[in-house]
Amino acid sequence: MRLCSKNFAGLFVVRFFLGVCEGSITAGFMIVTSMFYTKTEQAQRVSCWFLMNGTAQLFNGLVAFGIYQMKHPLIPRWEILFITTGAITFFLGVAWWFLFPDSSTTAWFLTEDERAQAVNRIKGNQTGVENKTWKMDQFWEALTDTKVWLFTLFALFDNIPNSLTNQASTIYTELGFSHLISTVLGIPSGVIEILTIGSGIYFLGKFPNSRAWISILYFIPNVVGAIMIIALSQTQWNQAGKHAILGGIYLSGFGTTGFVISLAWLQATTAGHTKKTTAMAMNLIGYCVGNIIGPQVWQSKFSPKNVVPWSIVLACYVISPIIMYIIRCLLVRENLRRDRAKLDAQQNRADDDEEVVEVKHSDGTVTVERVDVAFLDLTDKANQDFRYCL
């Protein structure tokens, strides 16, 4: 009796549709987060839900360890693992469909007054509210925005080393650990991800406008870990050396904080619903391309020392924080330019945060009304009152 795929083709099809379903999760989470929280809160909130990846890694390690010791005459252990985690995912997905609101304006757990307050509190974001109308001009603006491309490049380079998550079990066995022990050796990586993202949340709240600096700080252990592994790989592998290499692998988990911050940073610095969804999609494409490239560098001809793959990983750990620094410099320069332009303007609008617009009514009449700019679906480039958070 076989409940799961019987060959590579079957696994590929299943994994393809899993990727289709999974692809919208991060982008959707980020868009919804921006609808409920201010720019200063978003980085911390994104960090909170992203560190669940580490929690899942910890949970899966324990579940896998338990299932690995089970024996069933008809069902292989790996199938039991996927059936278990798949069932949990399915039931959570059903609950999510019925319980999670589209935005603060439809949140079932808020009163009418609380919904109004929830919308008003994000006024300072200058990013508007959800708008389901597709706007081609915003789409093209996202495609020509240097900032968006830099975040996309960051996602690409930062996620090439992400292949370590899948490669880790192979590395553990090459270091001499049994398959059973290898199932639990991934647990510390989950714990490290929880602790590093959690501490990143704390530092973001403690030091405003420090997104780039905190990201760069958390890449330092990654660089140290990669250098340590490359150096140790040139020596004879004694027991102490193997454990040191294992420590270097664990150090590579610190940089996840930088990627989490980049997600929230892109979200908070992009306005206009169509532009924001396009920017999120571009970022996710960069993320996917990085994850496609990553496994290709781990070839059997480089095993077991893996000097070439680890050198590529090290290069990515160096390039990623450099991109974060460039993004900060770009946004600082643009904020200063807008501040100067506002000071030099001879005439400001009658009300600094309102704009006169024509409103077409269903009966065909047109009236001129003042609308709060913060709630218009303007992009960050079109709205010169928008200031980029740092």
Foldseek 3Di string as FASTA:
>chain_A
DEPADDDPVRVVVVVVVVCVVVLCVLLLVLQQLLQQDALLCLLLVLLVVVLVVLVVLLVLLVVLLVLVPDDDPPYDSVVVSCVVVVVVVVVVVVCCVPQPDSHLCGHPVDDNVVSVVRNVVRLVLLFAHDDPDADVVLLVCLVVDPLLVLLLLLLQLLQLQVCCLVCVLVLCVLLPDDNSVSSNLSSLLSVLLNVLSVVLSVVSVVDFLCLLVSLLVLLVLLLVLLVLLLVLLVDDRDPVSSVSNSVSSSSNSSNVNNNSSSSSQLSSQKHFNNNSSSSSSSNSVSNVNSNVNNVVLDDPVCPDSSNRSSVSNSVSSVVNSVSSVVSSVVQVVLQVVLVVVVVPDPDAPPDNQWDWDWDADPVGDIDIDIDGSSNDRDISVRDSVRHRTD
